[in-house]
Structures are given as C-alpha cells and as structure tokens.
Amino acid sequence: MNALFQHAPLNESSSSRFAPAIGERAGPSPEVAALVAGFFHGRRGVHEGRDVKLGALAALAALTALRAPTPALRAHVHSALKDGATREEILTTVMEAALYSGFAAAHAGLEAALRVFADADSRPAATS
C-alpha cells in the first residue's frame, strides 16, 4: 500500500473512546485509498462507463463556486463543450453554482462562458 495511505493504529487511550465511531484504525478504508490513488493515476471515474460530460459540468460548477481564475473557467467551458455539453447546460450549471456560492462567484463563470461562446461564434466555420 502507498505510504500516503498507511495508518498507525489508535493508541490505547483513544482506542476505547473513538473505536466505535471510526473503527480500529484512523484513515481511509482500502476502497477509498484505492479510489484516491487511482484518481492520481488518471482513473477519474468510479467506473469505466462514466459520463464525461457530467464530469466536465461538475468541474465547472466546482470551479465557479471556488471563484477560480477566469482562464481556468474558460478552459473548463471549452472542455464541457468538447465533451458534449450544450451552451444551455453550461449556463445552467454556472447558475446552479450561484445558488450555493453566491452570484458574485457565478458572475465570473458567466463572463467566461459568454466569452467562450462569442469567440466560437466569431470564428469562421470549418470546411469539410
């Protein structure tokens, strides 16, 4: 097991008090440890058939709520579009984040999305 996930057993005095609540050892279960380790090795979903569009929208919502810098928001709007999200889904996602993080945080997300949309609309259509 990775050193990051190795845990020491609870000491004698804490064991009797905390064991019923958190088990015999502090730290993540082997299943959680495997999920986290897998995430850092490129396995982003819990299962292979995950919905990449949903993941892109979830990332955009989180970054909006965290008031991420505009370049990060724009990059994730691009990713969401590439992963199949519609403009309406992107705007709805940003507005949903506003319910939890406030409209000041959502303002940057909306500005980023609208800028990406405007940039896409101003580019000449690709010819086949």
N, C-alpha and C. Protein backbone atom coordinates (compact mmCIF):
# COMPACT_ATOMS: atom_id res chain seq x y z
N MET A 1 0.85 -1.18 0.00
CA MET A 1 0.00 0.00 0.00
C MET A 1 0.89 1.24 0.00
N ASN A 2 0.48 2.27 -0.70
CA ASN A 2 1.20 3.53 -0.79
C ASN A 2 1.40 4.12 0.61
N ALA A 3 2.57 4.73 0.83
CA ALA A 3 2.87 5.30 2.14
C ALA A 3 1.86 6.37 2.54
N LEU A 4 1.28 7.04 1.56
CA LEU A 4 0.28 8.06 1.85
C LEU A 4 -0.91 7.49 2.60
N PHE A 5 -1.20 6.22 2.37
CA PHE A 5 -2.40 5.63 2.95
C PHE A 5 -2.11 4.67 4.11
N GLN A 6 -0.87 4.59 4.54
CA GLN A 6 -0.58 3.75 5.69
C GLN A 6 -1.00 4.50 6.95
N HIS A 7 -1.55 3.79 7.90
CA HIS A 7 -2.03 4.43 9.11
C HIS A 7 -1.46 3.70 10.33
N ALA A 8 -1.34 4.46 11.39
CA ALA A 8 -0.95 3.88 12.67
C ALA A 8 -2.22 3.55 13.44
N PRO A 9 -2.22 2.46 14.17
CA PRO A 9 -3.40 2.17 14.99
C PRO A 9 -3.60 3.24 16.05
N LEU A 10 -4.82 3.38 16.47
CA LEU A 10 -5.11 4.32 17.55
C LEU A 10 -4.40 3.84 18.81
N ASN A 11 -3.96 4.78 19.64
CA ASN A 11 -3.30 4.36 20.88
C ASN A 11 -4.34 3.84 21.87
N GLU A 12 -3.86 3.26 22.94
CA GLU A 12 -4.74 2.62 23.91
C GLU A 12 -5.80 3.56 24.48
N SER A 13 -5.41 4.77 24.84
CA SER A 13 -6.37 5.67 25.49
C SER A 13 -7.44 6.16 24.52
N SER A 14 -7.08 6.36 23.28
CA SER A 14 -8.08 6.85 22.33
C SER A 14 -8.89 5.71 21.73
N SER A 15 -8.34 4.54 21.72
CA SER A 15 -9.00 3.42 21.07
C SER A 15 -10.37 3.13 21.65
N SER A 16 -10.48 3.11 22.95
CA SER A 16 -11.78 2.78 23.54
C SER A 16 -12.80 3.88 23.31
N ARG A 17 -12.35 5.11 23.23
CA ARG A 17 -13.27 6.22 23.07
C ARG A 17 -13.71 6.40 21.61
N PHE A 18 -12.77 6.23 20.66
CA PHE A 18 -13.09 6.52 19.27
C PHE A 18 -13.39 5.30 18.42
N ALA A 19 -12.99 4.13 18.85
CA ALA A 19 -13.17 2.94 18.04
C ALA A 19 -14.60 2.72 17.57
N PRO A 20 -15.60 2.90 18.43
CA PRO A 20 -16.96 2.68 17.94
C PRO A 20 -17.34 3.62 16.79
N ALA A 21 -16.79 4.84 16.80
CA ALA A 21 -17.17 5.81 15.78
C ALA A 21 -16.38 5.64 14.49
N ILE A 22 -15.08 5.34 14.57
CA ILE A 22 -14.27 5.31 13.36
C ILE A 22 -13.58 3.98 13.10
N GLY A 23 -13.86 3.00 13.86
CA GLY A 23 -13.25 1.71 13.62
C GLY A 23 -11.92 1.58 14.35
N GLU A 24 -11.22 0.52 14.02
CA GLU A 24 -9.98 0.25 14.74
C GLU A 24 -8.83 1.13 14.30
N ARG A 25 -8.89 1.67 13.09
CA ARG A 25 -7.80 2.49 12.58
C ARG A 25 -8.35 3.80 12.05
N ALA A 26 -7.57 4.85 12.23
CA ALA A 26 -7.94 6.14 11.63
C ALA A 26 -7.48 6.13 10.18
N GLY A 27 -8.21 6.78 9.31
CA GLY A 27 -7.80 6.91 7.92
C GLY A 27 -8.80 6.27 6.99
N PRO A 28 -8.52 6.38 5.70
CA PRO A 28 -9.48 5.87 4.71
C PRO A 28 -9.51 4.35 4.66
N SER A 29 -10.64 3.84 4.25
CA SER A 29 -10.75 2.41 4.04
C SER A 29 -9.90 2.03 2.84
N PRO A 30 -9.60 0.76 2.66
CA PRO A 30 -8.83 0.35 1.48
C PRO A 30 -9.53 0.74 0.17
N GLU A 31 -10.86 0.73 0.17
CA GLU A 31 -11.59 1.10 -1.03
C GLU A 31 -11.40 2.57 -1.37
N VAL A 32 -11.49 3.44 -0.35
CA VAL A 32 -11.29 4.87 -0.56
C VAL A 32 -9.85 5.14 -0.97
N ALA A 33 -8.91 4.48 -0.32
CA ALA A 33 -7.50 4.66 -0.67
C ALA A 33 -7.26 4.28 -2.12
N ALA A 34 -7.86 3.19 -2.59
CA ALA A 34 -7.69 2.76 -3.98
C ALA A 34 -8.30 3.77 -4.95
N LEU A 35 -9.48 4.33 -4.60
CA LEU A 35 -10.10 5.35 -5.45
C LEU A 35 -9.23 6.59 -5.56
N VAL A 36 -8.70 7.05 -4.44
CA VAL A 36 -7.86 8.25 -4.45
C VAL A 36 -6.57 7.99 -5.22
N ALA A 37 -5.93 6.86 -4.97
CA ALA A 37 -4.70 6.53 -5.69
C ALA A 37 -4.97 6.41 -7.18
N GLY A 38 -6.08 5.78 -7.54
CA GLY A 38 -6.44 5.66 -8.95
C GLY A 38 -6.68 7.00 -9.60
N PHE A 39 -7.30 7.91 -8.87
CA PHE A 39 -7.57 9.26 -9.39
C PHE A 39 -6.27 9.93 -9.81
N PHE A 40 -5.24 9.80 -8.97
CA PHE A 40 -3.97 10.44 -9.28
C PHE A 40 -3.19 9.70 -10.36
N HIS A 41 -3.66 8.54 -10.74
CA HIS A 41 -3.02 7.80 -11.84
C HIS A 41 -3.88 7.86 -13.09
N GLY A 42 -4.81 8.80 -13.15
CA GLY A 42 -5.58 9.03 -14.37
C GLY A 42 -6.93 8.36 -14.44
N ARG A 43 -7.30 7.57 -13.45
CA ARG A 43 -8.62 6.94 -13.46
C ARG A 43 -9.58 7.87 -12.75
N ARG A 44 -10.30 8.69 -13.51
CA ARG A 44 -11.11 9.75 -12.92
C ARG A 44 -12.47 9.29 -12.44
N GLY A 45 -13.01 8.23 -13.00
CA GLY A 45 -14.35 7.82 -12.61
C GLY A 45 -14.33 6.63 -11.69
N VAL A 46 -15.45 6.40 -11.04
CA VAL A 46 -15.59 5.23 -10.18
C VAL A 46 -15.69 3.98 -11.04
N HIS A 47 -16.23 4.13 -12.23
CA HIS A 47 -16.34 3.01 -13.16
C HIS A 47 -15.96 3.50 -14.55
N GLU A 48 -15.65 2.59 -15.43
CA GLU A 48 -15.16 2.93 -16.75
C GLU A 48 -16.21 3.61 -17.62
N GLY A 49 -17.48 3.38 -17.40
CA GLY A 49 -18.53 3.94 -18.24
C GLY A 49 -19.03 5.29 -17.77
N ARG A 50 -18.20 6.04 -17.08
CA ARG A 50 -18.66 7.32 -16.52
C ARG A 50 -19.04 8.29 -17.63
N ASP A 51 -19.87 9.24 -17.28
CA ASP A 51 -20.34 10.25 -18.20
C ASP A 51 -19.36 11.42 -18.19
N VAL A 52 -18.55 11.57 -19.26
CA VAL A 52 -17.54 12.62 -19.27
C VAL A 52 -18.15 14.01 -19.31
N LYS A 53 -19.30 14.15 -19.96
CA LYS A 53 -19.96 15.46 -19.99
C LYS A 53 -20.37 15.87 -18.58
N LEU A 54 -20.93 14.94 -17.85
CA LEU A 54 -21.34 15.23 -16.47
C LEU A 54 -20.13 15.61 -15.62
N GLY A 55 -19.02 14.92 -15.82
CA GLY A 55 -17.80 15.26 -15.09
C GLY A 55 -17.30 16.66 -15.42
N ALA A 56 -17.38 17.03 -16.69
CA ALA A 56 -16.95 18.37 -17.11
C ALA A 56 -17.84 19.45 -16.50
N LEU A 57 -19.14 19.20 -16.46
CA LEU A 57 -20.07 20.16 -15.86
C LEU A 57 -19.88 20.25 -14.35
N ALA A 58 -19.61 19.12 -13.71
CA ALA A 58 -19.36 19.13 -12.26
C ALA A 58 -18.09 19.93 -11.95
N ALA A 59 -17.05 19.75 -12.76
CA ALA A 59 -15.81 20.52 -12.56
C ALA A 59 -16.07 22.01 -12.74
N LEU A 60 -16.85 22.37 -13.75
CA LEU A 60 -17.17 23.77 -13.99
C LEU A 60 -17.95 24.36 -12.80
N ALA A 61 -18.90 23.60 -12.28
CA ALA A 61 -19.67 24.08 -11.12
C ALA A 61 -18.75 24.29 -9.92
N ALA A 62 -17.86 23.35 -9.67
CA ALA A 62 -16.95 23.47 -8.53
C ALA A 62 -16.02 24.66 -8.70
N LEU A 63 -15.46 24.83 -9.88
CA LEU A 63 -14.55 25.95 -10.10
C LEU A 63 -15.27 27.29 -10.01
N THR A 64 -16.51 27.32 -10.47
CA THR A 64 -17.29 28.55 -10.33
C THR A 64 -17.51 28.87 -8.86
N ALA A 65 -17.91 27.87 -8.09
CA ALA A 65 -18.17 28.08 -6.67
C ALA A 65 -16.90 28.48 -5.92
N LEU A 66 -15.76 27.99 -6.37
CA LEU A 66 -14.48 28.31 -5.74
C LEU A 66 -13.88 29.62 -6.23
N ARG A 67 -14.59 30.30 -7.13
CA ARG A 67 -14.11 31.56 -7.71
C ARG A 67 -12.75 31.39 -8.37
N ALA A 68 -12.67 30.38 -9.21
CA ALA A 68 -11.42 30.09 -9.92
C ALA A 68 -11.09 31.24 -10.86
N PRO A 69 -9.81 31.39 -11.20
CA PRO A 69 -9.43 32.44 -12.15
C PRO A 69 -10.11 32.24 -13.51
N THR A 70 -10.34 33.35 -14.19
CA THR A 70 -11.04 33.31 -15.48
C THR A 70 -10.41 32.34 -16.47
N PRO A 71 -9.08 32.27 -16.62
CA PRO A 71 -8.53 31.30 -17.59
C PRO A 71 -8.92 29.85 -17.28
N ALA A 72 -8.99 29.51 -16.00
CA ALA A 72 -9.40 28.14 -15.63
C ALA A 72 -10.86 27.92 -15.98
N LEU A 73 -11.69 28.91 -15.71
CA LEU A 73 -13.12 28.79 -16.05
C LEU A 73 -13.30 28.63 -17.56
N ARG A 74 -12.61 29.45 -18.31
CA ARG A 74 -12.73 29.37 -19.78
C ARG A 74 -12.27 28.00 -20.29
N ALA A 75 -11.17 27.50 -19.74
CA ALA A 75 -10.68 26.19 -20.17
C ALA A 75 -11.70 25.10 -19.88
N HIS A 76 -12.38 25.20 -18.75
CA HIS A 76 -13.38 24.18 -18.42
C HIS A 76 -14.67 24.36 -19.21
N VAL A 77 -14.99 25.57 -19.62
CA VAL A 77 -16.13 25.75 -20.53
C VAL A 77 -15.80 25.09 -21.86
N HIS A 78 -14.58 25.31 -22.37
CA HIS A 78 -14.14 24.64 -23.60
C HIS A 78 -14.23 23.12 -23.45
N SER A 79 -13.75 22.61 -22.33
CA SER A 79 -13.79 21.16 -22.09
C SER A 79 -15.22 20.63 -22.07
N ALA A 80 -16.11 21.36 -21.42
CA ALA A 80 -17.50 20.92 -21.35
C ALA A 80 -18.12 20.88 -22.75
N LEU A 81 -17.83 21.89 -23.56
CA LEU A 81 -18.34 21.90 -24.94
C LEU A 81 -17.78 20.71 -25.72
N LYS A 82 -16.47 20.49 -25.58
CA LYS A 82 -15.82 19.38 -26.27
C LYS A 82 -16.41 18.03 -25.83
N ASP A 83 -16.80 17.94 -24.56
CA ASP A 83 -17.34 16.70 -24.03
C ASP A 83 -18.84 16.55 -24.27
N GLY A 84 -19.43 17.48 -25.04
CA GLY A 84 -20.82 17.31 -25.47
C GLY A 84 -21.86 18.14 -24.74
N ALA A 85 -21.45 19.02 -23.84
CA ALA A 85 -22.42 19.87 -23.14
C ALA A 85 -22.93 20.96 -24.08
N THR A 86 -24.18 21.30 -23.94
CA THR A 86 -24.74 22.40 -24.73
C THR A 86 -24.47 23.72 -24.01
N ARG A 87 -24.65 24.80 -24.72
CA ARG A 87 -24.49 26.11 -24.09
C ARG A 87 -25.49 26.28 -22.96
N GLU A 88 -26.70 25.82 -23.17
CA GLU A 88 -27.73 25.93 -22.13
C GLU A 88 -27.32 25.14 -20.88
N GLU A 89 -26.78 23.94 -21.06
CA GLU A 89 -26.33 23.15 -19.91
C GLU A 89 -25.20 23.85 -19.16
N ILE A 90 -24.30 24.48 -19.89
CA ILE A 90 -23.18 25.20 -19.25
C ILE A 90 -23.69 26.38 -18.44
N LEU A 91 -24.57 27.18 -19.04
CA LEU A 91 -25.12 28.34 -18.33
C LEU A 91 -25.94 27.91 -17.12
N THR A 92 -26.71 26.84 -17.27
CA THR A 92 -27.50 26.33 -16.15
C THR A 92 -26.59 25.85 -15.03
N THR A 93 -25.50 25.20 -15.37
CA THR A 93 -24.54 24.72 -14.37
C THR A 93 -23.95 25.88 -13.59
N VAL A 94 -23.55 26.93 -14.29
CA VAL A 94 -22.97 28.09 -13.62
C VAL A 94 -24.01 28.76 -12.71
N MET A 95 -25.24 28.87 -13.18
CA MET A 95 -26.28 29.49 -12.36
C MET A 95 -26.63 28.62 -11.15
N GLU A 96 -26.59 27.31 -11.31
CA GLU A 96 -26.81 26.42 -10.16
C GLU A 96 -25.71 26.62 -9.11
N ALA A 97 -24.48 26.83 -9.56
CA ALA A 97 -23.38 27.08 -8.62
C ALA A 97 -23.65 28.36 -7.84
N ALA A 98 -24.31 29.33 -8.48
CA ALA A 98 -24.61 30.60 -7.82
C ALA A 98 -25.51 30.40 -6.60
N LEU A 99 -26.36 29.41 -6.66
CA LEU A 99 -27.26 29.16 -5.53
C LEU A 99 -26.49 28.78 -4.27
N TYR A 100 -25.31 28.19 -4.45
CA TYR A 100 -24.53 27.71 -3.31
C TYR A 100 -23.35 28.62 -2.98
N SER A 101 -22.88 29.38 -3.98
CA SER A 101 -21.68 30.18 -3.76
C SER A 101 -21.92 31.68 -3.87
N GLY A 102 -23.11 32.08 -4.28
CA GLY A 102 -23.43 33.49 -4.44
C GLY A 102 -23.28 33.94 -5.88
N PHE A 103 -23.99 34.99 -6.18
CA PHE A 103 -23.98 35.47 -7.56
C PHE A 103 -22.68 36.16 -7.94
N ALA A 104 -21.95 36.67 -6.96
CA ALA A 104 -20.65 37.27 -7.27
C ALA A 104 -19.70 36.21 -7.84
N ALA A 105 -19.71 35.02 -7.28
CA ALA A 105 -18.87 33.94 -7.79
C ALA A 105 -19.34 33.50 -9.17
N ALA A 106 -20.64 33.43 -9.36
CA ALA A 106 -21.18 32.99 -10.65
C ALA A 106 -20.93 34.01 -11.76
N HIS A 107 -20.76 35.27 -11.40
CA HIS A 107 -20.53 36.30 -12.41
C HIS A 107 -19.31 35.96 -13.26
N ALA A 108 -18.22 35.57 -12.63
CA ALA A 108 -17.01 35.22 -13.38
C ALA A 108 -17.26 34.02 -14.28
N GLY A 109 -18.00 33.03 -13.78
CA GLY A 109 -18.32 31.87 -14.60
C GLY A 109 -19.17 32.23 -15.81
N LEU A 110 -20.15 33.09 -15.60
CA LEU A 110 -20.99 33.54 -16.72
C LEU A 110 -20.18 34.33 -17.74
N GLU A 111 -19.34 35.23 -17.25
CA GLU A 111 -18.49 36.01 -18.15
C GLU A 111 -17.59 35.09 -18.98
N ALA A 112 -16.99 34.10 -18.33
CA ALA A 112 -16.11 33.17 -19.04
C ALA A 112 -16.88 32.39 -20.09
N ALA A 113 -18.05 31.88 -19.72
CA ALA A 113 -18.84 31.10 -20.68
C ALA A 113 -19.27 31.96 -21.86
N LEU A 114 -19.76 33.15 -21.59
CA LEU A 114 -20.22 34.01 -22.68
C LEU A 114 -19.07 34.42 -23.59
N ARG A 115 -17.89 34.60 -23.01
CA ARG A 115 -16.71 34.93 -23.83
C ARG A 115 -16.32 33.76 -24.74
N VAL A 116 -16.34 32.56 -24.19
CA VAL A 116 -16.03 31.37 -25.00
C VAL A 116 -17.05 31.23 -26.12
N PHE A 117 -18.32 31.43 -25.82
CA PHE A 117 -19.37 31.34 -26.84
C PHE A 117 -19.16 32.39 -27.93
N ALA A 118 -18.85 33.62 -27.54
CA ALA A 118 -18.63 34.71 -28.50
C ALA A 118 -17.42 34.40 -29.38
N ASP A 119 -16.34 33.89 -28.76
CA ASP A 119 -15.16 33.53 -29.54
C ASP A 119 -15.48 32.45 -30.56
N ALA A 120 -16.26 31.46 -30.14
CA ALA A 120 -16.64 30.36 -31.04
C ALA A 120 -17.50 30.88 -32.19
N ASP A 121 -18.41 31.82 -31.89
CA ASP A 121 -19.30 32.36 -32.92
C ASP A 121 -18.56 33.24 -33.91
N SER A 122 -17.44 33.86 -33.49
CA SER A 122 -16.72 34.76 -34.38
C SER A 122 -15.73 34.04 -35.29
N ARG A 123 -15.45 32.78 -34.98
CA ARG A 123 -14.54 32.00 -35.82
C ARG A 123 -15.25 31.54 -37.08
N PRO A 124 -14.55 31.55 -38.20
CA PRO A 124 -15.19 31.05 -39.42
C PRO A 124 -15.47 29.55 -39.30
N ALA A 125 -16.55 29.14 -39.90
CA ALA A 125 -16.92 27.71 -39.86
C ALA A 125 -15.87 26.89 -40.59
N ALA A 126 -15.57 25.73 -40.04
CA ALA A 126 -14.60 24.82 -40.65
C ALA A 126 -15.21 24.21 -41.91
N THR A 127 -14.42 24.10 -42.95
CA THR A 127 -14.91 23.47 -44.18
C THR A 127 -14.50 22.03 -44.22
N SER A 128 -15.35 21.22 -44.79
CA SER A 128 -15.07 19.78 -44.83
C SER A 128 -14.29 19.41 -46.03
